[in-house]
Structures are given as C-alpha cells and as structure tokens.
Amino acid sequence: MWKIWAVLAIAAIAGVIEMPSLVRRSAKEAAVYGIMLSIGAVLSAAAIQMADLPSPLNVLAYVFKPVNVWLGKVFG
C-alpha cells in the first residue's frame, strides 16, 4: 500500500512543481498535463496492485474492425 501512496505523492509533487508555469503559459496545456498525469498515476497504481487490465489493442481492434469490414467489401 505504501507504494501506491509513493506514486500518488510523486505525481502530486510533479503537479505542484509544473502546474504554475503551465497555467501562466496556457490553460489548455495545463489541463492536458493534469489529465495525463492523473491517468499515469492511476495506471501506475493499478500496475503496482497487479490489476488485470485489458490490452489497449482491444480498443484499436474495436475501432478499426468496421473499417476492415468496409475495405473487405470494397476491394474483396
């Protein structure tokens, strides 16, 4: 459990250090940075717990399957 707290603390420290300069430059960049930092922290915590996460390739297969079917009909 302490490993998860360590990951969250490091993410919080990184956010505290980087966010003020990002907000001054661009609020959009700060928002994207915050979202990416949060996603990274959550996925790191899940990896520490050895959670069974689905592969990102499943999402790509789901998205591109209709394109594959369409191309098969057009060129097949």
N, C-alpha and C. Protein backbone atom coordinates (compact mmCIF):
# COMPACT_ATOMS: atom_id res chain seq x y z
N MET A 1 0.81 -1.19 0.00
CA MET A 1 0.00 0.00 0.00
C MET A 1 0.86 1.26 0.00
N TRP A 2 2.02 1.17 0.63
CA TRP A 2 2.88 2.35 0.68
C TRP A 2 3.41 2.72 -0.70
N LYS A 3 3.51 1.74 -1.60
CA LYS A 3 3.99 2.02 -2.95
C LYS A 3 2.99 2.89 -3.71
N ILE A 4 1.71 2.60 -3.50
CA ILE A 4 0.68 3.40 -4.15
C ILE A 4 0.72 4.83 -3.64
N TRP A 5 0.87 4.99 -2.34
CA TRP A 5 0.97 6.33 -1.77
C TRP A 5 2.20 7.05 -2.29
N ALA A 6 3.29 6.32 -2.50
CA ALA A 6 4.51 6.94 -3.04
C ALA A 6 4.28 7.44 -4.46
N VAL A 7 3.60 6.63 -5.28
CA VAL A 7 3.30 7.05 -6.65
C VAL A 7 2.42 8.29 -6.65
N LEU A 8 1.39 8.29 -5.82
CA LEU A 8 0.50 9.44 -5.75
C LEU A 8 1.22 10.68 -5.24
N ALA A 9 2.11 10.50 -4.27
CA ALA A 9 2.87 11.64 -3.75
C ALA A 9 3.80 12.21 -4.81
N ILE A 10 4.47 11.35 -5.56
CA ILE A 10 5.36 11.82 -6.62
C ILE A 10 4.57 12.55 -7.71
N ALA A 11 3.40 12.02 -8.06
CA ALA A 11 2.56 12.68 -9.05
C ALA A 11 2.09 14.04 -8.53
N ALA A 12 1.73 14.11 -7.26
CA ALA A 12 1.30 15.38 -6.69
C ALA A 12 2.44 16.39 -6.67
N ILE A 13 3.63 15.95 -6.32
CA ILE A 13 4.79 16.85 -6.31
C ILE A 13 5.08 17.35 -7.72
N ALA A 14 5.02 16.45 -8.70
CA ALA A 14 5.24 16.86 -10.09
C ALA A 14 4.19 17.88 -10.53
N GLY A 15 2.95 17.66 -10.13
CA GLY A 15 1.90 18.60 -10.48
C GLY A 15 2.09 19.96 -9.83
N VAL A 16 2.49 19.96 -8.57
CA VAL A 16 2.71 21.23 -7.85
C VAL A 16 3.87 22.00 -8.47
N ILE A 17 4.89 21.29 -8.90
CA ILE A 17 6.06 21.96 -9.49
C ILE A 17 5.75 22.51 -10.88
N GLU A 18 5.07 21.74 -11.70
CA GLU A 18 4.88 22.10 -13.11
C GLU A 18 3.65 22.96 -13.39
N MET A 19 2.60 22.81 -12.63
CA MET A 19 1.34 23.47 -12.96
C MET A 19 1.39 24.99 -12.99
N PRO A 20 2.03 25.66 -12.04
CA PRO A 20 2.01 27.14 -12.10
C PRO A 20 2.57 27.71 -13.41
N SER A 21 3.67 27.17 -13.88
CA SER A 21 4.23 27.69 -15.14
C SER A 21 3.35 27.32 -16.33
N LEU A 22 2.72 26.15 -16.28
CA LEU A 22 1.84 25.76 -17.38
C LEU A 22 0.58 26.62 -17.42
N VAL A 23 0.04 26.95 -16.26
CA VAL A 23 -1.17 27.78 -16.22
C VAL A 23 -0.86 29.17 -16.75
N ARG A 24 0.33 29.70 -16.44
CA ARG A 24 0.70 31.02 -16.95
C ARG A 24 0.84 31.01 -18.47
N ARG A 25 1.40 29.94 -19.02
CA ARG A 25 1.59 29.87 -20.47
C ARG A 25 0.28 29.57 -21.19
N SER A 26 -0.39 28.51 -20.78
CA SER A 26 -1.60 28.09 -21.49
C SER A 26 -2.44 27.20 -20.58
N ALA A 27 -3.68 27.58 -20.44
CA ALA A 27 -4.58 26.78 -19.60
C ALA A 27 -4.87 25.43 -20.25
N LYS A 28 -4.89 25.39 -21.58
CA LYS A 28 -5.13 24.12 -22.28
C LYS A 28 -4.00 23.13 -22.01
N GLU A 29 -2.76 23.62 -22.07
CA GLU A 29 -1.63 22.75 -21.79
C GLU A 29 -1.67 22.25 -20.36
N ALA A 30 -2.07 23.12 -19.44
CA ALA A 30 -2.16 22.71 -18.04
C ALA A 30 -3.23 21.65 -17.86
N ALA A 31 -4.36 21.80 -18.56
CA ALA A 31 -5.43 20.81 -18.45
C ALA A 31 -4.99 19.46 -19.00
N VAL A 32 -4.34 19.47 -20.15
CA VAL A 32 -3.86 18.22 -20.75
C VAL A 32 -2.81 17.58 -19.85
N TYR A 33 -1.91 18.38 -19.30
CA TYR A 33 -0.89 17.86 -18.40
C TYR A 33 -1.53 17.22 -17.17
N GLY A 34 -2.52 17.89 -16.60
CA GLY A 34 -3.20 17.35 -15.42
C GLY A 34 -3.92 16.05 -15.71
N ILE A 35 -4.57 15.98 -16.86
CA ILE A 35 -5.28 14.75 -17.24
C ILE A 35 -4.30 13.61 -17.46
N MET A 36 -3.22 13.89 -18.20
CA MET A 36 -2.23 12.85 -18.47
C MET A 36 -1.53 12.40 -17.19
N LEU A 37 -1.24 13.33 -16.30
CA LEU A 37 -0.60 12.99 -15.04
C LEU A 37 -1.53 12.12 -14.19
N SER A 38 -2.81 12.45 -14.18
CA SER A 38 -3.78 11.66 -13.42
C SER A 38 -3.92 10.25 -13.99
N ILE A 39 -4.02 10.15 -15.30
CA ILE A 39 -4.12 8.83 -15.93
C ILE A 39 -2.88 8.00 -15.64
N GLY A 40 -1.72 8.63 -15.75
CA GLY A 40 -0.48 7.92 -15.47
C GLY A 40 -0.39 7.44 -14.04
N ALA A 41 -0.83 8.28 -13.10
CA ALA A 41 -0.79 7.89 -11.68
C ALA A 41 -1.74 6.73 -11.41
N VAL A 42 -2.93 6.79 -11.99
CA VAL A 42 -3.91 5.71 -11.78
C VAL A 42 -3.42 4.40 -12.39
N LEU A 43 -2.88 4.47 -13.60
CA LEU A 43 -2.38 3.25 -14.23
C LEU A 43 -1.16 2.69 -13.50
N SER A 44 -0.33 3.57 -12.97
CA SER A 44 0.81 3.10 -12.17
C SER A 44 0.34 2.41 -10.90
N ALA A 45 -0.67 2.98 -10.25
CA ALA A 45 -1.22 2.36 -9.05
C ALA A 45 -1.83 1.00 -9.38
N ALA A 46 -2.52 0.91 -10.52
CA ALA A 46 -3.10 -0.37 -10.92
C ALA A 46 -2.02 -1.39 -11.24
N ALA A 47 -0.93 -0.94 -11.84
CA ALA A 47 0.17 -1.86 -12.14
C ALA A 47 0.84 -2.35 -10.86
N ILE A 48 0.93 -1.49 -9.87
CA ILE A 48 1.51 -1.90 -8.59
C ILE A 48 0.66 -2.97 -7.92
N GLN A 49 -0.66 -2.83 -8.04
CA GLN A 49 -1.57 -3.81 -7.44
C GLN A 49 -1.70 -5.06 -8.29
N MET A 50 -1.03 -5.09 -9.43
CA MET A 50 -1.11 -6.22 -10.37
C MET A 50 -2.55 -6.46 -10.82
N ALA A 51 -3.28 -5.38 -11.05
CA ALA A 51 -4.66 -5.47 -11.52
C ALA A 51 -4.67 -6.00 -12.95
N ASP A 52 -5.69 -6.76 -13.28
CA ASP A 52 -5.82 -7.32 -14.62
C ASP A 52 -6.48 -6.28 -15.51
N LEU A 53 -5.67 -5.57 -16.29
CA LEU A 53 -6.16 -4.53 -17.17
C LEU A 53 -6.25 -5.06 -18.60
N PRO A 54 -7.29 -4.67 -19.34
CA PRO A 54 -7.38 -5.10 -20.73
C PRO A 54 -6.31 -4.41 -21.58
N SER A 55 -5.97 -5.05 -22.66
CA SER A 55 -4.95 -4.51 -23.56
C SER A 55 -5.52 -3.32 -24.34
N PRO A 56 -4.73 -2.29 -24.55
CA PRO A 56 -5.18 -1.17 -25.39
C PRO A 56 -5.42 -1.60 -26.84
N LEU A 57 -4.84 -2.70 -27.25
CA LEU A 57 -5.06 -3.18 -28.62
C LEU A 57 -6.50 -3.61 -28.84
N ASN A 58 -7.20 -4.00 -27.78
CA ASN A 58 -8.62 -4.35 -27.91
C ASN A 58 -9.43 -3.14 -28.36
N VAL A 59 -9.08 -1.96 -27.86
CA VAL A 59 -9.77 -0.73 -28.26
C VAL A 59 -9.51 -0.45 -29.74
N LEU A 60 -8.26 -0.60 -30.16
CA LEU A 60 -7.93 -0.37 -31.57
C LEU A 60 -8.66 -1.37 -32.47
N ALA A 61 -8.73 -2.61 -32.06
CA ALA A 61 -9.44 -3.61 -32.85
C ALA A 61 -10.93 -3.26 -32.95
N TYR A 62 -11.51 -2.78 -31.86
CA TYR A 62 -12.92 -2.40 -31.85
C TYR A 62 -13.17 -1.21 -32.78
N VAL A 63 -12.26 -0.25 -32.78
CA VAL A 63 -12.42 0.95 -33.59
C VAL A 63 -12.23 0.64 -35.08
N PHE A 64 -11.22 -0.15 -35.41
CA PHE A 64 -10.89 -0.36 -36.81
C PHE A 64 -11.56 -1.57 -37.45
N LYS A 65 -12.32 -2.35 -36.71
CA LYS A 65 -13.00 -3.50 -37.31
C LYS A 65 -14.00 -3.08 -38.38
N PRO A 66 -14.84 -2.05 -38.15
CA PRO A 66 -15.75 -1.63 -39.23
C PRO A 66 -15.00 -1.16 -40.48
N VAL A 67 -13.86 -0.51 -40.30
CA VAL A 67 -13.07 -0.07 -41.45
C VAL A 67 -12.56 -1.28 -42.21
N ASN A 68 -12.12 -2.29 -41.48
CA ASN A 68 -11.62 -3.51 -42.11
C ASN A 68 -12.74 -4.21 -42.89
N VAL A 69 -13.92 -4.27 -42.31
CA VAL A 69 -15.06 -4.90 -43.00
C VAL A 69 -15.41 -4.12 -44.26
N TRP A 70 -15.42 -2.79 -44.14
CA TRP A 70 -15.75 -1.95 -45.29
C TRP A 70 -14.72 -2.12 -46.41
N LEU A 71 -13.44 -2.10 -46.05
CA LEU A 71 -12.39 -2.29 -47.06
C LEU A 71 -12.47 -3.68 -47.69
N GLY A 72 -12.86 -4.68 -46.90
CA GLY A 72 -13.03 -6.02 -47.45
C GLY A 72 -14.15 -6.07 -48.48
N LYS A 73 -15.22 -5.32 -48.23
CA LYS A 73 -16.33 -5.28 -49.18
C LYS A 73 -15.96 -4.50 -50.44
N VAL A 74 -15.22 -3.41 -50.27
CA VAL A 74 -14.86 -2.57 -51.41
C VAL A 74 -13.85 -3.27 -52.31
N PHE A 75 -12.81 -3.84 -51.71
CA PHE A 75 -11.73 -4.42 -52.51
C PHE A 75 -11.77 -5.94 -52.59
N GLY A 76 -12.73 -6.57 -51.91
CA GLY A 76 -12.76 -8.03 -51.86
C GLY A 76 -13.57 -8.64 -52.90
